[in-house]
Amino acid sequence: MSFMTIYPDFYQNFCCKANRCQHTCCAGWEIDIDAATAARYQQLIGPLGEAIRQNIVVADGTWQFRLGAGERCPFLQEDGLCELIRRADESILCDICTNHPRFFVTLGDYELAGVGLSCEKSCELLLEDVGMLSLRTETGEKLSLKELLQRLSLPVCDEDLCYQTGLASEDADFVLACMQKTEPIDEAWTAQLAQLRVEGMAAEAVVPQVFDRIYQYILYRALEHVPQYGLGTVLSYVQLNTDFIYLAYQLTGQLGESIRRWSEQIEYSTENVRILLDLLSGDVCH
């Protein structure tokens, strides 16, 4: 069965920042190696093949790179570049290293493609424009998010596609209570939640127009959960997460970094996504 691929208008502009990136994806994560690449590594001859085999292990039935100090990939050099690419070329990489931060989700007759927001370059691309999210099909047809939802038989009103501003202090408390139920990615996340509780809401803060775009992109990313949870719960999930990004932005003044840190904690944790969706489907954040 063939699918029509949809992607954000900025998707094809993505290019890894490599050693210019301040938050490398080559550290702090488990790096799984797909079976086909693992088999190729086992057959690779010469010093590079030996070096790779010395630095990969099987964990829970999956080949992974053996992480070093600071959970760094053993082939991440001090200059921030990849030793494997330097000694060979990009074709030597495993699927996750080739594709990250790209994602591909099948929904109905469509494949939804995009770039995850734990990557600072993805955040930069998202924030280059303040207008509503614009999509394209693989044939070049332009599409709004509303038009995509209509094609997916998910009719929404215009209000559902905009970030609802006017966050009250009790709403902020609800957002933080939900976030505290997620599994923290690191101690800095826990510390930020505590600081947000202490600092509270800024008085009469102006919400930048770009938050509609952020909200829409998070909705686009979360559409894969509609079949299980329903559109209403997913819309609540999107509002909650955009609210949190707004609170973090108020605290730090750094919008891109607020989005990126949220993504590390939520978007890239299937467990934390599930926790929030389960909470919102039962509305039990206290």
Protein backbone atom coordinates (compact mmCIF):
# COMPACT_ATOMS: atom_id res chain seq x y z
CA MET A 1 0.00 0.00 0.00
CA SER A 2 1.35 3.44 -0.91
CA PHE A 3 1.00 6.52 1.26
CA MET A 4 1.02 10.22 0.45
CA THR A 5 3.84 11.88 2.41
CA ILE A 6 3.10 15.19 4.15
CA TYR A 7 5.75 17.42 5.70
CA PRO A 8 6.10 20.96 7.13
CA ASP A 9 7.23 23.61 4.67
CA PHE A 10 10.59 23.93 6.46
CA TYR A 11 11.27 20.17 6.54
CA GLN A 12 13.49 20.03 3.47
CA ASN A 13 15.61 22.91 4.79
CA PHE A 14 16.89 20.77 7.65
CA CYS A 15 20.63 20.25 7.77
CA CYS A 16 22.56 19.04 10.82
CA LYS A 17 24.64 21.78 12.46
CA ALA A 18 27.34 19.19 13.24
CA ASN A 19 30.06 20.71 15.44
CA ARG A 20 28.21 24.06 15.57
CA CYS A 21 25.45 22.43 17.63
CA GLN A 22 25.41 23.31 21.32
CA HIS A 23 23.38 20.22 22.25
CA THR A 24 24.73 17.26 20.32
CA CYS A 25 22.40 14.32 19.74
CA CYS A 26 25.49 12.09 19.96
CA ALA A 27 25.51 12.26 23.77
CA GLY A 28 22.96 11.67 26.50
CA TRP A 29 20.91 9.09 24.56
CA GLU A 30 21.05 5.36 23.99
CA ILE A 31 21.95 4.90 20.31
CA ASP A 32 20.28 1.77 18.95
CA ILE A 33 21.71 0.15 15.83
CA ASP A 34 19.26 -1.37 13.36
CA ALA A 35 19.71 -5.06 12.54
CA ALA A 36 20.86 -4.51 8.95
CA THR A 37 23.57 -2.05 9.97
CA ALA A 38 24.67 -4.23 12.90
CA ALA A 39 25.12 -7.14 10.50
CA ARG A 40 27.14 -4.90 8.17
CA TYR A 41 29.33 -3.78 11.06
CA GLN A 42 30.08 -7.41 11.92
CA GLN A 43 31.39 -7.98 8.39
CA LEU A 44 33.28 -4.70 8.01
CA ILE A 45 36.97 -5.38 7.47
CA GLY A 46 39.97 -3.32 8.46
CA PRO A 47 40.79 -1.09 11.46
CA LEU A 48 37.49 0.79 11.30
CA GLY A 49 35.49 -2.43 11.46
CA GLU A 50 37.53 -3.54 14.46
CA ALA A 51 37.02 -0.19 16.19
CA ILE A 52 33.26 -0.35 15.65
CA ARG A 53 32.97 -3.92 16.96
CA GLN A 54 34.91 -2.97 20.08
CA ASN A 55 32.43 -0.19 20.79
CA ILE A 56 29.05 -1.87 20.25
CA VAL A 57 27.16 -4.09 22.67
CA VAL A 58 23.86 -5.96 22.82
CA ALA A 59 21.36 -4.60 25.37
CA ASP A 60 17.85 -6.04 25.67
CA GLY A 61 18.30 -7.82 22.36
CA THR A 62 19.34 -4.68 20.46
CA TRP A 63 22.79 -3.62 19.32
CA GLN A 64 23.86 -0.26 20.73
CA PHE A 65 26.95 1.90 20.78
CA ARG A 66 28.88 1.60 24.04
CA LEU A 67 28.59 5.08 25.55
CA GLY A 68 31.55 6.67 27.25
CA ALA A 69 31.97 9.41 29.85
CA GLY A 70 29.09 11.85 29.78
CA GLU A 71 27.09 9.26 27.84
CA ARG A 72 28.95 10.25 24.70
CA CYS A 73 29.02 8.11 21.59
CA PRO A 74 32.52 6.56 21.38
CA PHE A 75 32.87 8.02 17.88
CA LEU A 76 31.98 11.59 18.84
CA GLN A 77 35.24 13.50 18.63
CA GLU A 78 36.28 16.39 20.83
CA ASP A 79 35.67 18.80 17.96
CA GLY A 80 32.02 17.68 17.83
CA LEU A 81 32.35 15.78 14.56
CA CYS A 82 31.73 12.08 13.87
CA GLU A 83 34.78 9.86 13.51
CA LEU A 84 32.82 7.33 11.44
CA ILE A 85 31.89 9.92 8.82
CA ARG A 86 35.46 11.26 8.77
CA ARG A 87 36.97 7.80 8.26
CA ALA A 88 34.32 6.59 5.82
CA ASP A 89 31.21 8.58 4.81
CA GLU A 90 27.59 9.01 5.87
CA SER A 91 26.59 5.67 4.34
CA ILE A 92 28.31 3.93 7.24
CA LEU A 93 25.83 5.33 9.76
CA CYS A 94 23.00 3.31 11.30
CA ASP A 95 19.40 4.29 10.56
CA ILE A 96 18.88 6.36 13.71
CA CYS A 97 22.02 8.43 13.11
CA THR A 98 21.06 8.93 9.47
CA ASN A 99 17.46 9.95 10.12
CA HIS A 100 17.48 11.76 13.48
CA PRO A 101 15.68 14.06 14.24
CA ARG A 102 13.31 13.16 11.42
CA PHE A 103 10.14 11.24 12.24
CA PHE A 104 7.67 9.37 10.05
CA VAL A 105 4.18 8.43 11.22
CA THR A 106 1.53 6.58 9.22
CA LEU A 107 -2.01 7.83 9.73
CA GLY A 108 -4.80 6.78 7.39
CA ASP A 109 -3.57 7.08 3.82
CA TYR A 110 -0.82 9.51 4.80
CA GLU A 111 2.74 9.39 6.06
CA LEU A 112 3.36 12.41 8.29
CA ALA A 113 7.01 13.46 8.26
CA GLY A 114 8.75 16.10 10.33
CA VAL A 115 11.70 16.91 12.54
CA GLY A 116 11.68 16.46 16.30
CA LEU A 117 12.17 19.52 18.47
CA SER A 118 14.88 18.14 20.74
CA CYS A 119 17.21 19.30 17.97
CA GLU A 120 18.16 22.98 18.16
CA LYS A 121 18.23 23.27 14.36
CA SER A 122 14.62 22.02 14.22
CA CYS A 123 13.63 24.70 16.73
CA GLU A 124 15.41 27.36 14.70
CA LEU A 125 13.56 26.31 11.55
CA LEU A 126 10.21 26.28 13.34
CA LEU A 127 10.79 29.77 14.72
CA GLU A 128 12.06 31.33 11.48
CA ASP A 129 8.44 32.21 10.64
CA VAL A 130 5.67 33.45 12.93
CA GLY A 131 2.85 32.51 10.56
CA MET A 132 0.57 29.51 10.83
CA LEU A 133 2.07 26.12 10.08
CA SER A 134 2.14 25.34 6.37
CA LEU A 135 2.42 21.80 5.04
CA ARG A 136 3.31 20.30 1.68
CA THR A 137 2.61 17.00 0.00
CA GLU A 138 5.30 15.02 -1.77
CA THR A 139 3.90 16.38 -5.05
CA GLY A 140 4.43 19.98 -3.89
CA GLU A 141 0.80 20.80 -3.07
CA LYS A 142 0.47 23.32 -0.23
CA LEU A 143 -1.80 22.32 2.61
CA SER A 144 -2.91 23.94 5.87
CA LEU A 145 -3.15 21.90 9.05
CA LYS A 146 -6.92 22.30 8.95
CA GLU A 147 -7.03 20.89 5.42
CA LEU A 148 -4.93 17.92 6.51
CA LEU A 149 -7.26 17.24 9.43
CA GLN A 150 -10.24 17.37 7.09
CA ARG A 151 -8.57 14.80 4.85
CA LEU A 152 -8.06 12.62 7.91
CA SER A 153 -11.78 12.98 8.77
CA LEU A 154 -10.87 15.04 11.83
CA PRO A 155 -12.92 18.22 11.41
CA VAL A 156 -11.96 21.00 13.81
CA CYS A 157 -13.01 24.60 14.30
CA ASP A 158 -10.52 27.43 13.85
CA GLU A 159 -10.32 27.89 17.62
CA ASP A 160 -8.93 24.36 17.98
CA LEU A 161 -6.00 25.32 15.78
CA CYS A 162 -4.87 28.32 17.82
CA TYR A 163 -3.09 28.52 21.13
CA GLN A 164 -5.57 29.60 23.80
CA THR A 165 -3.93 32.44 25.71
CA GLY A 166 -4.98 33.90 29.04
CA LEU A 167 -3.31 31.30 31.24
CA ALA A 168 -4.47 31.88 34.82
CA SER A 169 -2.39 31.01 37.88
CA GLU A 170 -4.58 27.98 38.64
CA ASP A 171 -4.10 26.81 35.05
CA ALA A 172 -0.34 27.12 35.47
CA ASP A 173 -0.56 25.05 38.67
CA PHE A 174 -2.44 22.35 36.73
CA VAL A 175 0.20 22.32 33.98
CA LEU A 176 3.05 21.97 36.47
CA ALA A 177 1.19 19.30 38.46
CA CYS A 178 0.85 17.22 35.30
CA MET A 179 4.50 17.73 34.36
CA GLN A 180 5.61 16.65 37.82
CA LYS A 181 4.00 13.26 37.20
CA THR A 182 6.34 12.57 34.28
CA GLU A 183 9.65 10.74 34.65
CA PRO A 184 12.40 13.41 34.80
CA ILE A 185 15.08 13.23 32.15
CA ASP A 186 17.63 14.80 34.51
CA GLU A 187 17.96 16.80 37.73
CA ALA A 188 17.82 20.08 35.81
CA TRP A 189 14.26 19.30 34.71
CA THR A 190 13.16 18.73 38.31
CA ALA A 191 14.89 21.94 39.39
CA GLN A 192 13.16 23.93 36.65
CA LEU A 193 9.73 22.64 37.69
CA ALA A 194 10.47 23.70 41.27
CA GLN A 195 11.59 27.14 40.10
CA LEU A 196 8.47 27.56 37.97
CA ARG A 197 6.31 26.79 41.00
CA VAL A 198 8.14 29.44 43.03
CA GLU A 199 8.28 32.11 40.33
CA GLY A 200 4.66 31.72 39.23
CA MET A 201 3.06 33.61 36.35
CA ALA A 202 4.38 36.90 35.04
CA ALA A 203 1.78 39.64 35.30
CA GLU A 204 -0.07 40.42 32.06
CA ALA A 205 2.61 38.88 29.89
CA VAL A 206 2.17 39.25 26.14
CA VAL A 207 2.06 35.96 24.22
CA PRO A 208 4.13 36.14 21.02
CA GLN A 209 2.23 35.36 17.83
CA VAL A 210 4.59 32.47 17.08
CA PHE A 211 2.91 30.40 19.81
CA ASP A 212 0.09 29.57 17.39
CA ARG A 213 2.71 28.04 15.12
CA ILE A 214 4.32 26.12 18.00
CA TYR A 215 0.91 24.83 19.08
CA GLN A 216 0.08 23.69 15.55
CA TYR A 217 3.37 21.85 15.13
CA ILE A 218 2.93 20.01 18.42
CA LEU A 219 -0.57 19.07 17.25
CA TYR A 220 0.82 17.81 13.94
CA ARG A 221 3.37 15.73 15.87
CA ALA A 222 0.71 14.33 18.20
CA LEU A 223 -1.83 13.28 15.56
CA GLU A 224 -0.57 9.69 15.74
CA HIS A 225 -2.25 9.41 19.17
CA VAL A 226 -5.73 10.35 17.96
CA PRO A 227 -6.78 6.76 17.11
CA GLN A 228 -6.11 5.64 20.70
CA TYR A 229 -7.05 8.71 22.75
CA GLY A 230 -9.41 10.72 20.54
CA LEU A 231 -8.98 14.20 19.14
CA GLY A 232 -10.31 15.95 22.27
CA THR A 233 -7.66 14.47 24.55
CA VAL A 234 -4.93 15.15 22.01
CA LEU A 235 -5.99 18.81 21.75
CA SER A 236 -5.83 19.06 25.56
CA TYR A 237 -2.36 17.48 25.45
CA VAL A 238 -1.22 20.03 22.87
CA GLN A 239 -2.60 22.95 24.90
CA LEU A 240 -0.94 21.64 28.07
CA ASN A 241 2.46 21.27 26.46
CA THR A 242 2.29 24.65 24.74
CA ASP A 243 1.30 26.16 28.09
CA PHE A 244 4.38 24.61 29.64
CA ILE A 245 6.66 25.95 26.92
CA TYR A 246 5.13 29.38 27.48
CA LEU A 247 5.78 29.17 31.24
CA ALA A 248 9.38 28.08 30.66
CA TYR A 249 9.85 30.88 28.14
CA GLN A 250 8.54 33.42 30.67
CA LEU A 251 11.12 32.15 33.13
CA THR A 252 14.14 31.99 30.83
CA GLY A 253 13.39 34.37 27.97
CA GLN A 254 14.82 31.72 25.62
CA LEU A 255 12.05 30.37 23.42
CA GLY A 256 14.06 27.95 21.29
CA GLU A 257 15.74 26.40 24.33
CA SER A 258 12.42 26.16 26.18
CA ILE A 259 11.00 24.18 23.26
CA ARG A 260 14.09 21.98 22.96
CA ARG A 261 14.15 21.07 26.65
CA TRP A 262 10.41 20.30 26.62
CA SER A 263 10.98 18.01 23.65
CA GLU A 264 13.78 16.11 25.39
CA GLN A 265 11.54 15.50 28.40
CA ILE A 266 8.21 14.86 26.66
CA GLU A 267 8.30 14.45 22.87
CA TYR A 268 11.21 12.00 22.95
CA SER A 269 9.90 9.96 25.87
CA THR A 270 7.13 7.60 24.82
CA GLU A 271 6.51 6.91 28.50
CA ASN A 272 6.02 10.58 29.36
CA VAL A 273 3.77 11.16 26.36
CA ARG A 274 1.66 8.23 27.54
CA ILE A 275 1.58 9.53 31.13
CA LEU A 276 0.26 12.92 30.04
CA LEU A 277 -2.30 11.50 27.62
CA ASP A 278 -3.54 9.07 30.26
CA LEU A 279 -3.79 11.87 32.81
CA LEU A 280 -5.69 14.13 30.45
CA SER A 281 -8.02 11.41 29.26
CA GLY A 282 -9.03 10.97 32.89
CA ASP A 283 -8.35 14.59 33.91
CA VAL A 284 -6.63 13.49 37.12
CA CYS A 285 -3.77 16.01 37.46
CA HIS A 286 -3.91 17.30 41.03
